[in-house]
Each structure stands twice: as structure tokens, then as C-alpha cells.
Amino acid sequence: MAQIPQSDGKRTNTIQTAAPFLLIAPDARSGAMGDVGAATSPDANSSHWNPAKLAFLEQPTGISASYTPWLRNLVPDVDLGYLTVFHRLDERNIIGGSLRYFSYGSIQLTDDSKNDIGVYSPNEFSIDGTFARKFGENFSLGTGIRYIRSSLSNGQFNGQDIQPATALAADVSAYMKKGTLMFGKDTELAFGLNISNIGTKMNYSDGSSKSFLPTNMKLGGASTFNLDELNQFTVALDLNKLLVPTNPIRDSNGNIVSGKDPDRSVPAGIFGSFGDAPGGFSEELSEVSYSLGTEYWYNKQFALRSGYFYETPTKGDRRYFTVGAGLKYNVFNLDFAYLLANQQKSPLAQTLRFSLVFNFANN
């Protein structure tokens, strides 16, 4: 299929993957900070953003539940639920697990003659297990194993029987932090890297082509300034790049005229994703999205957050501001996030997120 040019002469070439729900920010804290999380301070939801951060959690055990009504500008009953838990094994090792469930609501099904054949509720979910280990006082590594199931239809499409698709994936991550002095204030610098969803391809019928999972590289940094005994301020930046093939440009006969054939193995797709864009290096750079977030804590009990997410127009054009707040009371954290976007241009406008975190106290 030929690429559709934009009015400015640039091609729209959005990267398509299976199970894109795996990349949706599941929790309210990071959701309020423009979807940053690679290097922010660890919490119960670190399994999604950077499993290695779990090793630096101070609490022995914790659990978090999050809920996000999704795309409410388009449909009334699509939502994302996220449940995660962690438990410290010893001073250096910690394990965790999470369940992510994405519901597409109810869809009325009809046959080729428009006859009613029932109602179906498409859904996708993943189950994770994570492990993180601290090496020294400033560095940790983490990994995660993930089972993914996607059930989008119970009928036929183009004459083929559609069935649920499944996949297995893994995450590899690293986290480092270091205390220093900046602007005359005690400051903690942190850096994080997470390569997530490295796994098998998915397909929904025996005769269909297989699709890549949304393998993603997240690289980030954060600076936390301890202004005084009561006030703390953090600024964080994440860079994201999908490590899957970019669609080539084809002629009217389907022959590739620029770019590379996307039909390749998972390892070849990951390593080739840094140099397969038909537009060359400039298009590769356009595939990087940016998240910038801030967080202010007063007395470690009340937080205000804000952020901005940017994606190049030719690669999806998601651009929005986020705001939110958090309240910590005893062992509970309650977080809220709100996405600010143009209602006419973005189906994500007015997205809400809610998270409740419970951290078990030390004995």
C-alpha cells in the first residue's frame, strides 16, 4: 500500500504492533507526569516503568490498584485495570507481580447479511512476574516475564476463523542513583533503562501474518531536589523508541521501493529497528517520543504533578499535557491524574486515572 502524504509533504508512517495496550500508562502518578517513569523514585507500580527500581523500595511489601477509563471521547465502556504487588525477599532482592486487564466494552456482532449473532466483549490482559536485585548502594538490575492474551473477536474475518492470540515476553532493566549537591541543595540524580515486551509474535488465525509485540526502549533521567525539610521537587525526562520494524514504502504492485522488509525474526526486528526507516536517520529520530514530568512533595504527604508528552505527527501525533495530585496518609497513597488535550483532535482528551497504593509497614 502506498504511503499517504501529509499536507506538508511528509509521510504518515505510524508503527503498528499487536497488543498496544501494553504501553498505556497504567497508574495515576506517572500518568500525571507526562508518562515518565524510567528514573523516578520507585513505587509499587515500578514493574511497568522499570522493574529494576523495585530493588530500592523501602517497604517490605506493597500492593497497588489503578483504574483508567479509556477513550471516553469515542466510546463509553472501554477501560484499563492494573493490579500490582511486590515483596522483599532480603536486603538486596525483591519480587513482584502484576495483572493488566484492558476491556473494549460490548460490541454487537452481525453476519454478512446483517443478522444479529450476539454480543461480544473483546479484551486483552497480561500477567507479569518480576525480579530485581540491588548491586551495591546505587545500582540495580531487574527483569520481568509476561504472558499476554488478546481476544478481539469470536467470529470470522475475511473468511478466516478468528481466535485469541497469545504471546510470552520479557523485560530487562537497569537503575542507578547518586546523591550530590546542586544549586546548594541536596540532590539525588537517577538514571533508568527499560527494554520491555521482548517476545514472540502474535496472530489471530492460522493463515494470517504474525505481528510484533510493542517492544519498547525507555531511557530516562530524574533529578530530585530536597529544598528543605518540608519541600521536595523532582523533574524527569524519558525518551521512548519502539524496537520493531518500520513500514517500508511500496509501489502499486507491493514491491518495496524504500526501507526494508518488515517480515523478519524478533531479534532482527529489534536490532534492525535503528536503521530500517525508509526516510533514513531523520525518520529514525522522529520515532522517538518524549515525556517530561515534574513532581512536588510537601512534607512527604501531599504531591502536585504535571507533565507533557510529545510524539511526532507522522508517528502517531499524540501530544498532551497532564496534571495530577497525590495524598499520602499513614500506609496509604491515593493518586489522581487528568490528561489535557484538544477535544476535537485527540481521543485521549479528559482521560482520568486513579491509583490506590497500600504499603505494609516494617515490623
Protein backbone atom coordinates (compact mmCIF):
# COMPACT_ATOMS: atom_id res chain seq x y z
CA MET A 1 0.00 0.00 0.00
CA ALA A 2 1.33 3.41 -0.90
CA GLN A 3 2.00 5.85 1.91
CA ILE A 4 -0.45 8.76 2.33
CA PRO A 5 1.36 12.11 2.25
CA GLN A 6 0.51 14.87 4.67
CA SER A 7 -0.17 18.42 3.54
CA ASP A 8 3.37 19.41 4.44
CA GLY A 9 4.82 16.70 2.21
CA LYS A 10 5.85 14.35 4.99
CA ARG A 11 4.64 10.76 5.06
CA THR A 12 2.44 9.43 7.82
CA ASN A 13 4.11 6.15 8.76
CA THR A 14 2.82 5.08 12.15
CA ILE A 15 4.37 1.88 13.50
CA GLN A 16 1.76 -0.84 14.03
CA THR A 17 2.08 -3.60 16.63
CA ALA A 18 -0.05 -6.19 18.37
CA ALA A 19 -1.27 -5.59 21.94
CA PRO A 20 -0.62 -1.82 22.09
CA PHE A 21 -2.42 -1.77 25.46
CA LEU A 22 0.89 -2.88 26.98
CA LEU A 23 2.25 0.66 26.50
CA ILE A 24 -0.63 2.54 28.14
CA ALA A 25 0.45 4.26 31.35
CA PRO A 26 -1.44 2.23 33.98
CA ASP A 27 -1.02 4.33 37.13
CA ALA A 28 -2.01 7.85 38.14
CA ARG A 29 1.35 9.05 39.47
CA SER A 30 3.32 8.63 36.24
CA GLY A 31 0.19 9.42 34.22
CA ALA A 32 0.12 12.84 35.86
CA MET A 33 3.79 13.40 35.00
CA GLY A 34 3.51 13.05 31.22
CA ASP A 35 4.04 9.26 31.33
CA VAL A 36 7.57 9.38 32.75
CA GLY A 37 8.83 6.56 34.94
CA ALA A 38 12.21 5.14 33.91
CA ALA A 39 14.14 7.02 36.60
CA THR A 40 11.57 8.50 39.00
CA SER A 41 11.65 7.31 42.61
CA PRO A 42 10.44 3.70 42.99
CA ASP A 43 6.91 2.80 43.99
CA ALA A 44 4.58 -0.18 43.77
CA ASN A 45 3.94 0.48 40.05
CA SER A 46 7.62 0.33 39.06
CA SER A 47 7.08 -3.08 37.43
CA HIS A 48 5.63 -1.31 34.39
CA TRP A 49 8.11 1.55 34.11
CA ASN A 50 11.38 -0.03 35.23
CA PRO A 51 11.42 -3.31 37.21
CA ALA A 52 14.96 -2.58 38.47
CA LYS A 53 13.59 0.29 40.60
CA LEU A 54 11.79 -2.23 42.81
CA ALA A 55 15.10 -3.12 44.48
CA PHE A 56 15.20 0.33 46.11
CA LEU A 57 11.76 0.21 47.70
CA GLU A 58 11.96 0.73 51.44
CA GLN A 59 8.77 -1.12 52.37
CA PRO A 60 8.80 -4.92 52.76
CA THR A 61 5.50 -5.48 50.92
CA GLY A 62 3.05 -3.37 48.97
CA ILE A 63 0.07 -3.52 46.65
CA SER A 64 -1.43 -1.04 44.19
CA ALA A 65 -4.68 -0.92 42.23
CA SER A 66 -5.28 1.51 39.34
CA TYR A 67 -8.22 2.27 37.09
CA THR A 68 -8.35 4.26 33.84
CA PRO A 69 -11.49 4.95 31.76
CA TRP A 70 -10.04 4.97 28.23
CA LEU A 71 -11.02 6.86 25.06
CA ARG A 72 -14.22 8.17 26.64
CA ASN A 73 -14.47 10.81 23.90
CA LEU A 74 -15.18 7.95 21.48
CA VAL A 75 -16.78 5.10 23.40
CA PRO A 76 -18.43 4.85 26.83
CA ASP A 77 -17.23 1.49 28.16
CA VAL A 78 -13.52 0.99 27.40
CA ASP A 79 -11.25 0.86 30.45
CA LEU A 80 -7.93 -0.36 31.82
CA GLY A 81 -7.40 -2.00 35.21
CA TYR A 82 -3.99 -2.61 36.75
CA LEU A 83 -3.10 -4.54 39.91
CA THR A 84 0.47 -4.94 41.12
CA VAL A 85 2.18 -6.32 44.22
CA PHE A 86 5.76 -6.60 45.49
CA HIS A 87 7.52 -8.40 48.34
CA ARG A 88 11.08 -8.02 49.59
CA LEU A 89 12.99 -11.29 49.98
CA ASP A 90 16.02 -9.82 51.71
CA GLU A 91 18.13 -6.68 51.72
CA ARG A 92 19.04 -6.92 48.04
CA ASN A 93 16.34 -8.99 46.34
CA ILE A 94 12.68 -8.28 45.67
CA ILE A 95 9.95 -9.97 43.65
CA GLY A 96 6.74 -8.61 42.19
CA GLY A 97 3.76 -9.44 40.08
CA SER A 98 1.06 -7.60 38.18
CA LEU A 99 -2.16 -8.09 36.27
CA ARG A 100 -3.24 -5.72 33.49
CA TYR A 101 -6.74 -6.02 32.02
CA PHE A 102 -7.98 -3.96 29.08
CA SER A 103 -11.68 -4.14 28.20
CA TYR A 104 -13.10 -2.88 24.88
CA GLY A 105 -16.65 -2.93 26.22
CA SER A 106 -19.51 -4.69 24.41
CA ILE A 107 -19.73 -4.96 20.61
CA GLN A 108 -22.79 -6.06 18.65
CA LEU A 109 -21.86 -8.77 16.14
CA THR A 110 -23.65 -9.38 12.82
CA ASP A 111 -23.16 -11.81 9.95
CA ASP A 112 -22.72 -10.94 6.26
CA SER A 113 -26.49 -10.43 5.97
CA LYS A 114 -26.53 -8.02 8.91
CA ASN A 115 -28.29 -10.55 11.11
CA ASP A 116 -27.73 -10.30 14.85
CA ILE A 117 -25.37 -13.04 16.06
CA GLY A 118 -24.91 -11.84 19.59
CA VAL A 119 -22.81 -9.50 21.70
CA TYR A 120 -19.09 -9.93 22.28
CA SER A 121 -16.78 -8.26 24.82
CA PRO A 122 -13.25 -8.04 23.36
CA ASN A 123 -10.49 -7.88 25.93
CA GLU A 124 -6.75 -8.19 26.41
CA PHE A 125 -4.75 -8.98 29.52
CA SER A 126 -1.23 -9.68 30.71
CA ILE A 127 0.17 -11.38 33.79
CA ASP A 128 3.69 -10.47 34.92
CA GLY A 129 6.29 -11.78 37.30
CA THR A 130 9.28 -9.53 38.14
CA PHE A 131 12.55 -9.81 40.00
CA ALA A 132 15.04 -7.09 40.94
CA ARG A 133 18.40 -7.18 42.70
CA LYS A 134 20.47 -4.39 44.16
CA PHE A 135 24.21 -4.34 43.45
CA GLY A 136 25.91 -2.04 45.94
CA GLU A 137 24.13 1.03 47.22
CA ASN A 138 23.47 2.82 43.95
CA PHE A 139 22.75 0.30 41.19
CA SER A 140 20.20 -2.41 40.45
CA LEU A 141 19.08 -4.72 37.66
CA GLY A 142 15.61 -6.09 37.05
CA THR A 143 13.72 -8.41 34.78
CA GLY A 144 10.15 -9.45 34.13
CA ILE A 145 8.36 -12.35 32.44
CA ARG A 146 4.97 -11.67 30.86
CA TYR A 147 2.09 -13.76 29.50
CA ILE A 148 -0.19 -11.90 27.09
CA ARG A 149 -3.60 -12.88 25.76
CA SER A 150 -5.60 -10.86 23.25
CA SER A 151 -9.19 -11.82 22.36
CA LEU A 152 -10.65 -9.33 19.86
CA SER A 153 -13.36 -11.38 18.12
CA ASN A 154 -15.19 -14.69 18.31
CA GLY A 155 -16.21 -14.89 14.67
CA GLN A 156 -14.72 -14.76 11.19
CA PHE A 157 -12.90 -12.05 9.26
CA ASN A 158 -12.20 -12.24 5.50
CA GLY A 159 -13.21 -15.89 5.57
CA GLN A 160 -10.77 -16.84 8.33
CA ASP A 161 -11.64 -18.09 11.79
CA ILE A 162 -10.52 -15.55 14.38
CA GLN A 163 -9.15 -16.91 17.64
CA PRO A 164 -7.48 -15.42 20.71
CA ALA A 165 -3.78 -14.68 20.29
CA THR A 166 -1.18 -15.33 22.98
CA ALA A 167 2.47 -14.45 23.49
CA LEU A 168 5.31 -14.59 26.00
CA ALA A 169 7.58 -11.61 26.61
CA ALA A 170 10.36 -10.38 28.88
CA ASP A 171 11.67 -7.06 30.21
CA VAL A 172 15.28 -6.18 31.03
CA SER A 173 16.07 -3.05 33.01
CA ALA A 174 18.67 -1.12 34.98
CA TYR A 175 18.51 1.72 37.50
CA MET A 176 21.20 3.88 39.08
CA LYS A 177 21.01 6.74 41.56
CA LYS A 178 23.60 9.01 43.15
CA GLY A 179 23.44 11.76 45.75
CA THR A 180 25.14 15.07 45.00
CA LEU A 181 24.93 18.81 45.61
CA MET A 182 23.27 21.07 43.01
CA PHE A 183 22.37 24.73 43.36
CA GLY A 184 23.36 24.45 47.00
CA LYS A 185 20.72 21.77 47.67
CA ASP A 186 21.00 18.06 48.40
CA THR A 187 20.05 16.38 45.15
CA GLU A 188 19.53 12.82 44.02
CA LEU A 189 20.30 12.07 40.37
CA ALA A 190 18.83 8.91 38.87
CA PHE A 191 19.04 7.16 35.51
CA GLY A 192 16.97 4.27 34.21
CA LEU A 193 16.72 1.97 31.21
CA ASN A 194 13.95 -0.49 30.46
CA ILE A 195 13.54 -2.60 27.33
CA SER A 196 10.10 -4.11 27.61
CA ASN A 197 7.95 -6.64 25.74
CA ILE A 198 10.75 -8.60 24.10
CA GLY A 199 8.75 -11.59 22.98
CA THR A 200 7.04 -13.84 20.49
CA LYS A 201 4.86 -12.54 17.68
CA MET A 202 1.06 -12.74 17.78
CA ASN A 203 -1.51 -13.81 15.19
CA TYR A 204 -5.27 -14.29 15.36
CA SER A 205 -5.75 -17.01 12.74
CA ASP A 206 -3.74 -19.84 11.24
CA GLY A 207 -3.41 -18.18 7.85
CA SER A 208 -2.70 -14.61 8.93
CA SER A 209 0.67 -12.92 9.24
CA LYS A 210 2.18 -12.52 12.68
CA SER A 211 2.55 -9.12 14.33
CA PHE A 212 5.34 -7.88 16.57
CA LEU A 213 4.71 -7.06 20.20
CA PRO A 214 5.35 -3.39 21.13
CA THR A 215 8.95 -3.92 22.17
CA ASN A 216 9.95 -0.55 23.62
CA MET A 217 13.15 1.05 24.83
CA LYS A 218 12.65 3.60 27.60
CA LEU A 219 15.63 5.69 28.67
CA GLY A 220 15.24 8.33 31.35
CA GLY A 221 16.79 10.58 33.94
CA ALA A 222 15.46 12.37 37.01
CA SER A 223 16.73 14.98 39.47
CA THR A 224 15.17 15.28 42.91
CA PHE A 225 15.96 18.44 44.85
CA ASN A 226 15.50 18.44 48.63
CA LEU A 227 14.75 22.13 49.04
CA ASP A 228 14.38 21.93 52.82
CA GLU A 229 12.89 19.63 55.44
CA LEU A 230 9.36 20.06 54.07
CA ASN A 231 9.71 20.67 50.34
CA GLN A 232 10.95 18.33 47.61
CA PHE A 233 10.88 18.85 43.84
CA THR A 234 11.58 16.38 41.01
CA VAL A 235 11.99 16.90 37.28
CA ALA A 236 12.22 13.86 34.99
CA LEU A 237 12.65 13.17 31.27
CA ASP A 238 12.04 9.93 29.36
CA LEU A 239 12.83 9.02 25.75
CA ASN A 240 10.93 6.13 24.13
CA LYS A 241 11.53 4.21 20.91
CA LEU A 242 9.68 1.19 19.58
CA LEU A 243 12.12 -1.58 18.64
CA VAL A 244 10.01 -3.05 15.86
CA PRO A 245 10.29 -2.72 12.05
CA THR A 246 9.16 0.47 10.35
CA ASN A 247 6.79 0.03 7.40
CA PRO A 248 8.61 0.41 4.05
CA ILE A 249 7.35 2.39 1.06
CA ARG A 250 5.85 0.15 -1.62
CA ASP A 251 4.79 0.73 -5.19
CA SER A 252 1.36 -0.09 -6.62
CA ASN A 253 2.43 -3.72 -7.05
CA GLY A 254 3.51 -4.10 -3.44
CA ASN A 255 7.23 -4.06 -4.18
CA ILE A 256 9.47 -2.26 -1.67
CA VAL A 257 10.98 0.90 -3.14
CA SER A 258 12.42 2.32 0.10
CA GLY A 259 13.05 0.81 3.51
CA LYS A 260 13.36 -2.83 4.47
CA ASP A 261 11.12 -5.88 4.52
CA PRO A 262 9.36 -5.99 7.92
CA ASP A 263 8.86 -9.77 7.71
CA ARG A 264 11.79 -10.84 9.89
CA SER A 265 12.58 -12.51 13.20
CA VAL A 266 12.13 -10.79 16.55
CA PRO A 267 15.92 -10.31 17.14
CA ALA A 268 16.36 -8.98 13.60
CA GLY A 269 13.40 -6.68 14.10
CA ILE A 270 14.81 -5.27 17.34
CA PHE A 271 18.34 -4.63 16.10
CA GLY A 272 17.18 -3.55 12.65
CA SER A 273 14.74 -1.00 14.10
CA PHE A 274 17.57 1.51 14.49
CA GLY A 275 18.19 1.74 10.75
CA ASP A 276 15.22 0.49 8.73
CA ALA A 277 13.10 3.65 8.36
CA PRO A 278 12.60 4.50 4.66
CA GLY A 279 13.22 8.16 5.44
CA GLY A 280 16.67 7.45 6.83
CA PHE A 281 18.17 8.86 10.04
CA SER A 282 15.74 11.78 10.24
CA GLU A 283 12.80 9.39 10.29
CA GLU A 284 14.51 7.24 12.92
CA LEU A 285 14.78 10.33 15.13
CA SER A 286 11.10 11.07 14.55
CA GLU A 287 10.25 7.68 16.06
CA VAL A 288 11.47 8.85 19.48
CA SER A 289 8.72 10.19 21.75
CA TYR A 290 9.40 12.42 24.75
CA SER A 291 7.92 12.61 28.22
CA LEU A 292 8.69 15.45 30.62
CA GLY A 293 7.31 15.45 34.15
CA THR A 294 7.53 17.32 37.45
CA GLU A 295 6.54 16.37 40.98
CA TYR A 296 6.38 18.49 44.13
CA TRP A 297 6.01 16.98 47.60
CA TYR A 298 5.13 18.90 50.73
CA ASN A 299 6.12 17.19 53.98
CA LYS A 300 6.11 13.86 52.08
CA GLN A 301 2.32 13.86 52.43
CA PHE A 302 0.87 15.95 49.60
CA ALA A 303 2.04 15.97 45.98
CA LEU A 304 1.33 18.10 42.92
CA ARG A 305 2.34 16.80 39.49
CA SER A 306 2.43 17.95 35.88
CA GLY A 307 3.87 16.76 32.58
CA TYR A 308 3.93 16.83 28.81
CA PHE A 309 4.04 14.03 26.25
CA TYR A 310 5.15 14.57 22.65
CA GLU A 311 5.03 12.25 19.66
CA THR A 312 5.93 13.31 16.10
CA PRO A 313 2.84 13.96 13.90
CA THR A 314 3.99 11.38 11.34
CA LYS A 315 4.33 8.70 14.04
CA GLY A 316 1.02 8.99 15.84
CA ASP A 317 0.75 12.67 16.80
CA ARG A 318 -0.05 12.16 20.49
CA ARG A 319 0.60 15.47 22.23
CA TYR A 320 -0.88 16.39 25.56
CA PHE A 321 -0.35 17.97 28.97
CA THR A 322 -1.08 16.13 32.20
CA VAL A 323 -1.75 17.23 35.77
CA GLY A 324 -2.46 15.40 38.99
CA ALA A 325 -2.13 15.18 42.72
CA GLY A 326 -1.27 12.65 45.40
CA LEU A 327 -2.03 12.22 49.06
CA LYS A 328 -0.13 10.00 51.48
CA TYR A 329 -1.76 9.08 54.78
CA ASN A 330 -0.07 6.54 57.03
CA VAL A 331 0.47 3.48 54.78
CA PHE A 332 -1.94 4.59 52.03
CA ASN A 333 -1.24 6.62 48.88
CA LEU A 334 -4.09 7.99 46.79
CA ASP A 335 -3.17 9.40 43.35
CA PHE A 336 -5.19 11.14 40.65
CA ALA A 337 -4.27 12.18 37.09
CA TYR A 338 -6.01 14.14 34.35
CA LEU A 339 -4.98 14.41 30.70
CA LEU A 340 -5.36 17.79 28.97
CA ALA A 341 -5.69 17.65 25.18
CA ASN A 342 -7.69 19.25 22.38
CA GLN A 343 -11.09 17.53 22.44
CA GLN A 344 -11.54 17.93 18.68
CA LYS A 345 -8.14 16.47 17.80
CA SER A 346 -7.36 13.91 20.50
CA PRO A 347 -9.48 10.93 21.61
CA LEU A 348 -7.38 10.92 24.79
CA ALA A 349 -8.74 14.28 25.99
CA GLN A 350 -10.10 14.32 29.56
CA THR A 351 -8.63 10.91 30.40
CA LEU A 352 -8.71 10.22 34.14
CA ARG A 353 -6.58 7.83 36.16
CA PHE A 354 -6.92 6.71 39.76
CA SER A 355 -4.46 4.70 41.88
CA LEU A 356 -4.59 3.40 45.43
CA VAL A 357 -1.35 2.13 46.96
CA PHE A 358 -1.04 0.28 50.25
CA ASN A 359 2.45 -0.21 51.71
CA PHE A 360 2.74 -2.65 54.57
CA ALA A 361 4.75 -1.17 57.43
CA ASN A 362 8.04 -2.62 58.62
CA ASN A 363 7.81 -4.88 61.64
